[in-house]
Amino acid sequence: GSSREEKELTGVARGVLDKTNLYLTLIDASIPLTYLSREVIHTSVALSSVHNASVLVVLNKVDLVKSKTLLQERKEGVLNEIPSEMQTSTNVLEISALTGQ
């Protein structure tokens, strides 16, 4: 069973999620989209729909992607995971912590 502390933390987390107006999802752009990444995107989109919030998907490590074409394919892969009716409230941002891009 869950401890009392775990139940309290879960309650706090739910309270925060109810007040959230932006769901930030960080995806590693240097590797193909994984099952887990897809699930995280789906969860963020579903929660944002329930809470009338926006989604920001951040593609990190873009400096490690070998070509602009491959980076565009990765970005399109992310967008394909987002239902069309949610795409207007979803943004995809490309960053590199290494280069500051």
PDB file of N, CA and C in Angstrom:
ATOM      1  N   GLY A   1       0.810  -1.184   0.000  1.00  0.00           N
ATOM      2  CA  GLY A   1       0.000   0.000   0.000  1.00  0.00           C
ATOM      3  C   GLY A   1       0.856   1.252   0.000  1.00  0.00           C
ATOM      4  N   SER A   2       0.210   2.362  -0.234  1.00  0.00           N
ATOM      5  CA  SER A   2       0.894   3.648  -0.232  1.00  0.00           C
ATOM      6  C   SER A   2       1.023   4.173   1.182  1.00  0.00           C
ATOM      7  N   SER A   3       2.127   4.832   1.441  1.00  0.00           N
ATOM      8  CA  SER A   3       2.315   5.446   2.741  1.00  0.00           C
ATOM      9  C   SER A   3       1.503   6.730   2.819  1.00  0.00           C
ATOM     10  N   ARG A   4       1.335   7.241   4.005  1.00  0.00           N
ATOM     11  CA  ARG A   4       0.590   8.482   4.204  1.00  0.00           C
ATOM     12  C   ARG A   4       1.284   9.634   3.469  1.00  0.00           C
ATOM     13  N   GLU A   5       2.619   9.659   3.510  1.00  0.00           N
ATOM     14  CA  GLU A   5       3.372  10.712   2.829  1.00  0.00           C
ATOM     15  C   GLU A   5       3.154  10.668   1.320  1.00  0.00           C
ATOM     16  N   GLU A   6       3.165   9.450   0.743  1.00  0.00           N
ATOM     17  CA  GLU A   6       2.945   9.315  -0.693  1.00  0.00           C
ATOM     18  C   GLU A   6       1.561   9.815  -1.073  1.00  0.00           C
ATOM     19  N   LYS A   7       0.557   9.497  -0.255  1.00  0.00           N
ATOM     20  CA  LYS A   7      -0.804   9.958  -0.529  1.00  0.00           C
ATOM     21  C   LYS A   7      -0.885  11.474  -0.439  1.00  0.00           C
ATOM     22  N   GLU A   8      -0.209  12.064   0.528  1.00  0.00           N
ATOM     23  CA  GLU A   8      -0.213  13.518   0.657  1.00  0.00           C
ATOM     24  C   GLU A   8       0.462  14.174  -0.551  1.00  0.00           C
ATOM     25  N   LEU A   9       1.599  13.631  -0.965  1.00  0.00           N
ATOM     26  CA  LEU A   9       2.305  14.179  -2.124  1.00  0.00           C
ATOM     27  C   LEU A   9       1.474  14.042  -3.397  1.00  0.00           C
ATOM     28  N   THR A  10       0.785  12.912  -3.543  1.00  0.00           N
ATOM     29  CA  THR A  10      -0.087  12.718  -4.700  1.00  0.00           C
ATOM     30  C   THR A  10      -1.196  13.761  -4.696  1.00  0.00           C
ATOM     31  N   GLY A  11      -1.753  14.037  -3.532  1.00  0.00           N
ATOM     32  CA  GLY A  11      -2.793  15.062  -3.420  1.00  0.00           C
ATOM     33  C   GLY A  11      -2.267  16.440  -3.778  1.00  0.00           C
ATOM     34  N   VAL A  12      -1.059  16.757  -3.318  1.00  0.00           N
ATOM     35  CA  VAL A  12      -0.437  18.043  -3.647  1.00  0.00           C
ATOM     36  C   VAL A  12      -0.203  18.132  -5.153  1.00  0.00           C
ATOM     37  N   ALA A  13       0.310  17.057  -5.743  1.00  0.00           N
ATOM     38  CA  ALA A  13       0.572  17.040  -7.187  1.00  0.00           C
ATOM     39  C   ALA A  13      -0.716  17.249  -7.975  1.00  0.00           C
ATOM     40  N   ARG A  14      -1.779  16.579  -7.568  1.00  0.00           N
ATOM     41  CA  ARG A  14      -3.067  16.757  -8.261  1.00  0.00           C
ATOM     42  C   ARG A  14      -3.555  18.192  -8.148  1.00  0.00           C
ATOM     43  N   GLY A  15      -3.366  18.795  -6.998  1.00  0.00           N
ATOM     44  CA  GLY A  15      -3.764  20.191  -6.806  1.00  0.00           C
ATOM     45  C   GLY A  15      -3.005  21.121  -7.725  1.00  0.00           C
ATOM     46  N   VAL A  16      -1.710  20.865  -7.876  1.00  0.00           N
ATOM     47  CA  VAL A  16      -0.885  21.682  -8.764  1.00  0.00           C
ATOM     48  C   VAL A  16      -1.329  21.480 -10.214  1.00  0.00           C
ATOM     49  N   LEU A  17      -1.560  20.234 -10.611  1.00  0.00           N
ATOM     50  CA  LEU A  17      -1.988  19.950 -11.982  1.00  0.00           C
ATOM     51  C   LEU A  17      -3.313  20.625 -12.302  1.00  0.00           C
ATOM     52  N   ASP A  18      -4.204  20.727 -11.326  1.00  0.00           N
ATOM     53  CA  ASP A  18      -5.495  21.383 -11.541  1.00  0.00           C
ATOM     54  C   ASP A  18      -5.335  22.878 -11.806  1.00  0.00           C
ATOM     55  N   LYS A  19      -4.253  23.485 -11.341  1.00  0.00           N
ATOM     56  CA  LYS A  19      -4.040  24.924 -11.493  1.00  0.00           C
ATOM     57  C   LYS A  19      -3.060  25.268 -12.610  1.00  0.00           C
ATOM     58  N   THR A  20      -2.535  24.274 -13.289  1.00  0.00           N
ATOM     59  CA  THR A  20      -1.516  24.488 -14.308  1.00  0.00           C
ATOM     60  C   THR A  20      -2.137  25.037 -15.586  1.00  0.00           C
ATOM     61  N   ASN A  21      -1.480  26.032 -16.191  1.00  0.00           N
ATOM     62  CA  ASN A  21      -1.964  26.533 -17.474  1.00  0.00           C
ATOM     63  C   ASN A  21      -0.970  26.268 -18.607  1.00  0.00           C
ATOM     64  N   LEU A  22       0.133  25.572 -18.280  1.00  0.00           N
ATOM     65  CA  LEU A  22       1.103  25.184 -19.290  1.00  0.00           C
ATOM     66  C   LEU A  22       1.752  23.866 -18.877  1.00  0.00           C
ATOM     67  N   TYR A  23       1.757  22.927 -19.790  1.00  0.00           N
ATOM     68  CA  TYR A  23       2.448  21.656 -19.565  1.00  0.00           C
ATOM     69  C   TYR A  23       3.702  21.651 -20.411  1.00  0.00           C
ATOM     70  N   LEU A  24       4.842  21.545 -19.765  1.00  0.00           N
ATOM     71  CA  LEU A  24       6.147  21.551 -20.416  1.00  0.00           C
ATOM     72  C   LEU A  24       6.634  20.110 -20.540  1.00  0.00           C
ATOM     73  N   THR A  25       6.956  19.724 -21.760  1.00  0.00           N
ATOM     74  CA  THR A  25       7.413  18.364 -22.026  1.00  0.00           C
ATOM     75  C   THR A  25       8.770  18.443 -22.697  1.00  0.00           C
ATOM     76  N   LEU A  26       9.775  17.837 -22.098  1.00  0.00           N
ATOM     77  CA  LEU A  26      11.138  17.859 -22.621  1.00  0.00           C
ATOM     78  C   LEU A  26      11.433  16.540 -23.336  1.00  0.00           C
ATOM     79  N   ILE A  27      11.819  16.646 -24.611  1.00  0.00           N
ATOM     80  CA  ILE A  27      12.099  15.469 -25.434  1.00  0.00           C
ATOM     81  C   ILE A  27      13.531  15.561 -25.951  1.00  0.00           C
ATOM     82  N   ASP A  28      14.250  14.444 -25.913  1.00  0.00           N
ATOM     83  CA  ASP A  28      15.621  14.368 -26.420  1.00  0.00           C
ATOM     84  C   ASP A  28      15.573  14.242 -27.943  1.00  0.00           C
ATOM     85  N   ALA A  29      15.975  15.299 -28.644  1.00  0.00           N
ATOM     86  CA  ALA A  29      15.932  15.311 -30.112  1.00  0.00           C
ATOM     87  C   ALA A  29      17.053  14.494 -30.735  1.00  0.00           C
ATOM     88  N   SER A  30      18.054  14.117 -29.947  1.00  0.00           N
ATOM     89  CA  SER A  30      19.210  13.415 -30.515  1.00  0.00           C
ATOM     90  C   SER A  30      18.928  11.944 -30.799  1.00  0.00           C
ATOM     91  N   ILE A  31      17.782  11.454 -30.337  1.00  0.00           N
ATOM     92  CA  ILE A  31      17.399  10.055 -30.576  1.00  0.00           C
ATOM     93  C   ILE A  31      15.988  10.024 -31.166  1.00  0.00           C
ATOM     94  N   PRO A  32      15.658   8.948 -31.879  1.00  0.00           N
ATOM     95  CA  PRO A  32      14.292   8.827 -32.392  1.00  0.00           C
ATOM     96  C   PRO A  32      13.278   8.829 -31.235  1.00  0.00           C
ATOM     97  N   LEU A  33      12.084   9.269 -31.537  1.00  0.00           N
ATOM     98  CA  LEU A  33      11.021   9.330 -30.543  1.00  0.00           C
ATOM     99  C   LEU A  33      10.754   7.933 -29.985  1.00  0.00           C
ATOM    100  N   THR A  34      10.806   7.806 -28.673  1.00  0.00           N
ATOM    101  CA  THR A  34      10.602   6.511 -28.022  1.00  0.00           C
ATOM    102  C   THR A  34       9.152   6.341 -27.597  1.00  0.00           C
ATOM    103  N   TYR A  35       8.808   5.129 -27.239  1.00  0.00           N
ATOM    104  CA  TYR A  35       7.464   4.845 -26.724  1.00  0.00           C
ATOM    105  C   TYR A  35       7.180   5.712 -25.502  1.00  0.00           C
ATOM    106  N   LEU A  36       8.129   5.800 -24.605  1.00  0.00           N
ATOM    107  CA  LEU A  36       7.942   6.598 -23.384  1.00  0.00           C
ATOM    108  C   LEU A  36       7.751   8.073 -23.722  1.00  0.00           C
ATOM    109  N   SER A  37       8.529   8.598 -24.656  1.00  0.00           N
ATOM    110  CA  SER A  37       8.370   9.992 -25.073  1.00  0.00           C
ATOM    111  C   SER A  37       6.980  10.232 -25.642  1.00  0.00           C
ATOM    112  N   ARG A  38       6.524   9.290 -26.449  1.00  0.00           N
ATOM    113  CA  ARG A  38       5.169   9.413 -27.008  1.00  0.00           C
ATOM    114  C   ARG A  38       4.126   9.433 -25.891  1.00  0.00           C
ATOM    115  N   GLU A  39       4.286   8.564 -24.920  1.00  0.00           N
ATOM    116  CA  GLU A  39       3.337   8.514 -23.801  1.00  0.00           C
ATOM    117  C   GLU A  39       3.347   9.816 -23.001  1.00  0.00           C
ATOM    118  N   VAL A  40       4.521  10.395 -22.809  1.00  0.00           N
ATOM    119  CA  VAL A  40       4.625  11.670 -22.085  1.00  0.00           C
ATOM    120  C   VAL A  40       3.914  12.769 -22.870  1.00  0.00           C
ATOM    121  N   ILE A  41       4.109  12.794 -24.176  1.00  0.00           N
ATOM    122  CA  ILE A  41       3.429  13.781 -25.020  1.00  0.00           C
ATOM    123  C   ILE A  41       1.919  13.588 -24.927  1.00  0.00           C
ATOM    124  N   HIS A  42       1.459  12.344 -25.067  1.00  0.00           N
ATOM    125  CA  HIS A  42       0.016  12.058 -25.001  1.00  0.00           C
ATOM    126  C   HIS A  42      -0.569  12.486 -23.656  1.00  0.00           C
ATOM    127  N   THR A  43       0.152  12.221 -22.581  1.00  0.00           N
ATOM    128  CA  THR A  43      -0.321  12.599 -21.247  1.00  0.00           C
ATOM    129  C   THR A  43      -0.398  14.108 -21.099  1.00  0.00           C
ATOM    130  N   SER A  44       0.631  14.813 -21.560  1.00  0.00           N
ATOM    131  CA  SER A  44       0.629  16.275 -21.483  1.00  0.00           C
ATOM    132  C   SER A  44      -0.540  16.864 -22.260  1.00  0.00           C
ATOM    133  N   VAL A  45      -0.763  16.343 -23.446  1.00  0.00           N
ATOM    134  CA  VAL A  45      -1.861  16.837 -24.284  1.00  0.00           C
ATOM    135  C   VAL A  45      -3.209  16.537 -23.629  1.00  0.00           C
ATOM    136  N   ALA A  46      -3.367  15.336 -23.097  1.00  0.00           N
ATOM    137  CA  ALA A  46      -4.634  14.969 -22.447  1.00  0.00           C
ATOM    138  C   ALA A  46      -4.899  15.853 -21.233  1.00  0.00           C
ATOM    139  N   LEU A  47      -3.878  16.066 -20.407  1.00  0.00           N
ATOM    140  CA  LEU A  47      -4.038  16.914 -19.225  1.00  0.00           C
ATOM    141  C   LEU A  47      -4.329  18.356 -19.620  1.00  0.00           C
ATOM    142  N   SER A  48      -3.659  18.822 -20.668  1.00  0.00           N
ATOM    143  CA  SER A  48      -3.885  20.204 -21.093  1.00  0.00           C
ATOM    144  C   SER A  48      -5.314  20.385 -21.599  1.00  0.00           C
ATOM    145  N   SER A  49      -5.840  19.372 -22.225  1.00  0.00           N
ATOM    146  CA  SER A  49      -7.214  19.432 -22.715  1.00  0.00           C
ATOM    147  C   SER A  49      -8.198  19.501 -21.549  1.00  0.00           C
ATOM    148  N   VAL A  50      -7.981  18.671 -20.548  1.00  0.00           N
ATOM    149  CA  VAL A  50      -8.850  18.637 -19.364  1.00  0.00           C
ATOM    150  C   VAL A  50      -8.791  19.959 -18.606  1.00  0.00           C
ATOM    151  N   HIS A  51      -7.602  20.547 -18.513  1.00  0.00           N
ATOM    152  CA  HIS A  51      -7.403  21.750 -17.698  1.00  0.00           C
ATOM    153  C   HIS A  51      -7.350  23.038 -18.526  1.00  0.00           C
ATOM    154  N   ASN A  52      -7.717  22.936 -19.809  1.00  0.00           N
ATOM    155  CA  ASN A  52      -7.727  24.109 -20.684  1.00  0.00           C
ATOM    156  C   ASN A  52      -6.381  24.846 -20.638  1.00  0.00           C
ATOM    157  N   ALA A  53      -5.309  24.091 -20.818  1.00  0.00           N
ATOM    158  CA  ALA A  53      -3.957  24.629 -20.727  1.00  0.00           C
ATOM    159  C   ALA A  53      -3.244  24.452 -22.069  1.00  0.00           C
ATOM    160  N   SER A  54      -2.096  25.065 -22.189  1.00  0.00           N
ATOM    161  CA  SER A  54      -1.257  24.921 -23.375  1.00  0.00           C
ATOM    162  C   SER A  54      -0.179  23.882 -23.119  1.00  0.00           C
ATOM    163  N   VAL A  55       0.410  23.398 -24.204  1.00  0.00           N
ATOM    164  CA  VAL A  55       1.514  22.444 -24.122  1.00  0.00           C
ATOM    165  C   VAL A  55       2.712  23.057 -24.833  1.00  0.00           C
ATOM    166  N   LEU A  56       3.864  22.975 -24.195  1.00  0.00           N
ATOM    167  CA  LEU A  56       5.124  23.361 -24.815  1.00  0.00           C
ATOM    168  C   LEU A  56       6.010  22.120 -24.839  1.00  0.00           C
ATOM    169  N   VAL A  57       6.305  21.642 -26.040  1.00  0.00           N
ATOM    170  CA  VAL A  57       7.205  20.508 -26.198  1.00  0.00           C
ATOM    171  C   VAL A  57       8.567  21.079 -26.558  1.00  0.00           C
ATOM    172  N   VAL A  58       9.555  20.784 -25.740  1.00  0.00           N
ATOM    173  CA  VAL A  58      10.908  21.280 -25.956  1.00  0.00           C
ATOM    174  C   VAL A  58      11.765  20.136 -26.492  1.00  0.00           C
ATOM    175  N   LEU A  59      12.273  20.317 -27.707  1.00  0.00           N
ATOM    176  CA  LEU A  59      13.220  19.361 -28.275  1.00  0.00           C
ATOM    177  C   LEU A  59      14.611  19.798 -27.847  1.00  0.00           C
ATOM    178  N   ASN A  60      15.214  19.042 -26.962  1.00  0.00           N
ATOM    179  CA  ASN A  60      16.537  19.356 -26.423  1.00  0.00           C
ATOM    180  C   ASN A  60      17.612  18.603 -27.206  1.00  0.00           C
ATOM    181  N   LYS A  61      18.830  19.071 -27.107  1.00  0.00           N
ATOM    182  CA  LYS A  61      20.003  18.451 -27.734  1.00  0.00           C
ATOM    183  C   LYS A  61      19.951  18.524 -29.263  1.00  0.00           C
ATOM    184  N   VAL A  62      19.387  19.606 -29.789  1.00  0.00           N
ATOM    185  CA  VAL A  62      19.305  19.731 -31.252  1.00  0.00           C
ATOM    186  C   VAL A  62      20.688  19.823 -31.885  1.00  0.00           C
ATOM    187  N   ASP A  63      21.686  20.215 -31.108  1.00  0.00           N
ATOM    188  CA  ASP A  63      23.057  20.286 -31.635  1.00  0.00           C
ATOM    189  C   ASP A  63      23.597  18.904 -31.995  1.00  0.00           C
ATOM    190  N   LEU A  64      23.011  17.847 -31.432  1.00  0.00           N
ATOM    191  CA  LEU A  64      23.476  16.491 -31.709  1.00  0.00           C
ATOM    192  C   LEU A  64      22.776  15.839 -32.898  1.00  0.00           C
ATOM    193  N   VAL A  65      21.772  16.507 -33.453  1.00  0.00           N
ATOM    194  CA  VAL A  65      21.066  15.979 -34.619  1.00  0.00           C
ATOM    195  C   VAL A  65      21.905  16.303 -35.847  1.00  0.00           C
ATOM    196  N   LYS A  66      22.184  15.287 -36.659  1.00  0.00           N
ATOM    197  CA  LYS A  66      23.171  15.396 -37.736  1.00  0.00           C
ATOM    198  C   LYS A  66      22.784  16.336 -38.873  1.00  0.00           C
ATOM    199  N   SER A  67      21.491  16.525 -39.124  1.00  0.00           N
ATOM    200  CA  SER A  67      21.100  17.397 -40.242  1.00  0.00           C
ATOM    201  C   SER A  67      19.792  18.118 -39.927  1.00  0.00           C
ATOM    202  N   LYS A  68      19.577  19.224 -40.625  1.00  0.00           N
ATOM    203  CA  LYS A  68      18.332  19.979 -40.454  1.00  0.00           C
ATOM    204  C   LYS A  68      17.139  19.146 -40.908  1.00  0.00           C
ATOM    205  N   THR A  69      17.353  18.309 -41.922  1.00  0.00           N
ATOM    206  CA  THR A  69      16.277  17.444 -42.416  1.00  0.00           C
ATOM    207  C   THR A  69      15.857  16.453 -41.328  1.00  0.00           C
ATOM    208  N   LEU A  70      16.832  15.851 -40.673  1.00  0.00           N
ATOM    209  CA  LEU A  70      16.527  14.902 -39.596  1.00  0.00           C
ATOM    210  C   LEU A  70      15.849  15.613 -38.434  1.00  0.00           C
ATOM    211  N   LEU A  71      16.296  16.811 -38.113  1.00  0.00           N
ATOM    212  CA  LEU A  71      15.671  17.578 -37.038  1.00  0.00           C
ATOM    213  C   LEU A  71      14.213  17.888 -37.393  1.00  0.00           C
ATOM    214  N   GLN A  72      13.973  18.264 -38.641  1.00  0.00           N
ATOM    215  CA  GLN A  72      12.599  18.532 -39.082  1.00  0.00           C
ATOM    216  C   GLN A  72      11.747  17.264 -38.987  1.00  0.00           C
ATOM    217  N   GLU A  73      12.323  16.116 -39.322  1.00  0.00           N
ATOM    218  CA  GLU A  73      11.602  14.841 -39.201  1.00  0.00           C
ATOM    219  C   GLU A  73      11.258  14.553 -37.740  1.00  0.00           C
ATOM    220  N   ARG A  74      12.190  14.834 -36.831  1.00  0.00           N
ATOM    221  CA  ARG A  74      11.933  14.610 -35.401  1.00  0.00           C
ATOM    222  C   ARG A  74      10.812  15.528 -34.919  1.00  0.00           C
ATOM    223  N   LYS A  75      10.852  16.788 -35.374  1.00  0.00           N
ATOM    224  CA  LYS A  75       9.821  17.753 -34.990  1.00  0.00           C
ATOM    225  C   LYS A  75       8.459  17.310 -35.527  1.00  0.00           C
ATOM    226  N   GLU A  76       8.421  16.875 -36.774  1.00  0.00           N
ATOM    227  CA  GLU A  76       7.175  16.381 -37.364  1.00  0.00           C
ATOM    228  C   GLU A  76       6.671  15.143 -36.634  1.00  0.00           C
ATOM    229  N   GLY A  77       7.604  14.293 -36.178  1.00  0.00           N
ATOM    230  CA  GLY A  77       7.224  13.115 -35.398  1.00  0.00           C
ATOM    231  C   GLY A  77       6.504  13.502 -34.120  1.00  0.00           C
ATOM    232  N   VAL A  78       6.991  14.554 -33.475  1.00  0.00           N
ATOM    233  CA  VAL A  78       6.337  15.061 -32.254  1.00  0.00           C
ATOM    234  C   VAL A  78       4.953  15.592 -32.604  1.00  0.00           C
ATOM    235  N   LEU A  79       4.876  16.404 -33.639  1.00  0.00           N
ATOM    236  CA  LEU A  79       3.594  16.993 -34.029  1.00  0.00           C
ATOM    237  C   LEU A  79       2.577  15.931 -34.426  1.00  0.00           C
ATOM    238  N   ASN A  80       3.051  14.832 -35.010  1.00  0.00           N
ATOM    239  CA  ASN A  80       2.147  13.738 -35.388  1.00  0.00           C
ATOM    240  C   ASN A  80       1.520  13.053 -34.177  1.00  0.00           C
ATOM    241  N   GLU A  81       2.132  13.203 -33.017  1.00  0.00           N
ATOM    242  CA  GLU A  81       1.597  12.605 -31.789  1.00  0.00           C
ATOM    243  C   GLU A  81       0.501  13.468 -31.163  1.00  0.00           C
ATOM    244  N   ILE A  82       0.327  14.675 -31.683  1.00  0.00           N
ATOM    245  CA  ILE A  82      -0.623  15.626 -31.099  1.00  0.00           C
ATOM    246  C   ILE A  82      -1.870  15.677 -31.969  1.00  0.00           C
ATOM    247  N   PRO A  83      -3.037  15.418 -31.386  1.00  0.00           N
ATOM    248  CA  PRO A  83      -4.262  15.475 -32.184  1.00  0.00           C
ATOM    249  C   PRO A  83      -4.426  16.855 -32.825  1.00  0.00           C
ATOM    250  N   SER A  84      -4.967  16.877 -34.027  1.00  0.00           N
ATOM    251  CA  SER A  84      -5.070  18.131 -34.780  1.00  0.00           C
ATOM    252  C   SER A  84      -5.821  19.208 -34.010  1.00  0.00           C
ATOM    253  N   GLU A  85      -6.845  18.832 -33.251  1.00  0.00           N
ATOM    254  CA  GLU A  85      -7.602  19.842 -32.505  1.00  0.00           C
ATOM    255  C   GLU A  85      -6.796  20.450 -31.357  1.00  0.00           C
ATOM    256  N   MET A  86      -5.693  19.839 -30.972  1.00  0.00           N
ATOM    257  CA  MET A  86      -4.847  20.354 -29.889  1.00  0.00           C
ATOM    258  C   MET A  86      -3.612  21.083 -30.416  1.00  0.00           C
ATOM    259  N   GLN A  87      -3.356  21.034 -31.704  1.00  0.00           N
ATOM    260  CA  GLN A  87      -2.127  21.615 -32.239  1.00  0.00           C
ATOM    261  C   GLN A  87      -2.077  23.131 -32.112  1.00  0.00           C
ATOM    262  N   THR A  88      -3.237  23.797 -32.066  1.00  0.00           N
ATOM    263  CA  THR A  88      -3.212  25.254 -31.914  1.00  0.00           C
ATOM    264  C   THR A  88      -2.778  25.680 -30.518  1.00  0.00           C
ATOM    265  N   SER A  89      -2.953  24.802 -29.522  1.00  0.00           N
ATOM    266  CA  SER A  89      -2.531  25.141 -28.155  1.00  0.00           C
ATOM    267  C   SER A  89      -1.213  24.459 -27.792  1.00  0.00           C
ATOM    268  N   THR A  90      -0.502  23.957 -28.818  1.00  0.00           N
ATOM    269  CA  THR A  90       0.764  23.266 -28.596  1.00  0.00           C
ATOM    270  C   THR A  90       1.867  23.944 -29.409  1.00  0.00           C
ATOM    271  N   ASN A  91       2.991  24.201 -28.760  1.00  0.00           N
ATOM    272  CA  ASN A  91       4.160  24.752 -29.431  1.00  0.00           C
ATOM    273  C   ASN A  91       5.334  23.797 -29.267  1.00  0.00           C
ATOM    274  N   VAL A  92       6.178  23.752 -30.285  1.00  0.00           N
ATOM    275  CA  VAL A  92       7.395  22.936 -30.230  1.00  0.00           C
ATOM    276  C   VAL A  92       8.576  23.886 -30.354  1.00  0.00           C
ATOM    277  N   LEU A  93       9.480  23.814 -29.386  1.00  0.00           N
ATOM    278  CA  LEU A  93      10.643  24.683 -29.322  1.00  0.00           C
ATOM    279  C   LEU A  93      11.901  23.836 -29.412  1.00  0.00           C
ATOM    280  N   GLU A  94      12.850  24.260 -30.206  1.00  0.00           N
ATOM    281  CA  GLU A  94      14.124  23.533 -30.360  1.00  0.00           C
ATOM    282  C   GLU A  94      15.195  24.263 -29.556  1.00  0.00           C
ATOM    283  N   ILE A  95      15.902  23.512 -28.702  1.00  0.00           N
ATOM    284  CA  ILE A  95      16.959  24.137 -27.892  1.00  0.00           C
ATOM    285  C   ILE A  95      18.200  23.240 -27.843  1.00  0.00           C
ATOM    286  N   SER A  96      19.284  23.879 -27.435  1.00  0.00           N
ATOM    287  CA  SER A  96      20.527  23.173 -27.148  1.00  0.00           C
ATOM    288  C   SER A  96      21.167  23.830 -25.936  1.00  0.00           C
ATOM    289  N   ALA A  97      21.231  23.128 -24.849  1.00  0.00           N
ATOM    290  CA  ALA A  97      21.871  23.671 -23.662  1.00  0.00           C
ATOM    291  C   ALA A  97      23.369  23.874 -23.906  1.00  0.00           C
ATOM    292  N   LEU A  98      23.948  23.007 -24.743  1.00  0.00           N
ATOM    293  CA  LEU A  98      25.382  23.081 -25.023  1.00  0.00           C
ATOM    294  C   LEU A  98      25.756  24.366 -25.764  1.00  0.00           C
ATOM    295  N   THR A  99      24.981  24.684 -26.800  1.00  0.00           N
ATOM    296  CA  THR A  99      25.316  25.849 -27.625  1.00  0.00           C
ATOM    297  C   THR A  99      24.551  27.110 -27.216  1.00  0.00           C
ATOM    298  N   GLY A 100      23.556  26.949 -26.364  1.00  0.00           N
ATOM    299  CA  GLY A 100      22.752  28.097 -25.957  1.00  0.00           C
ATOM    300  C   GLY A 100      21.727  28.497 -27.002  1.00  0.00           C
ATOM    301  N   GLN A 101      21.573  27.671 -27.988  1.00  0.00           N
ATOM    302  CA  GLN A 101      20.646  27.911 -29.099  1.00  0.00           C
ATOM    303  C   GLN A 101      19.203  27.763 -28.653  1.00  0.00           C
TER     304      GLN A 101
END
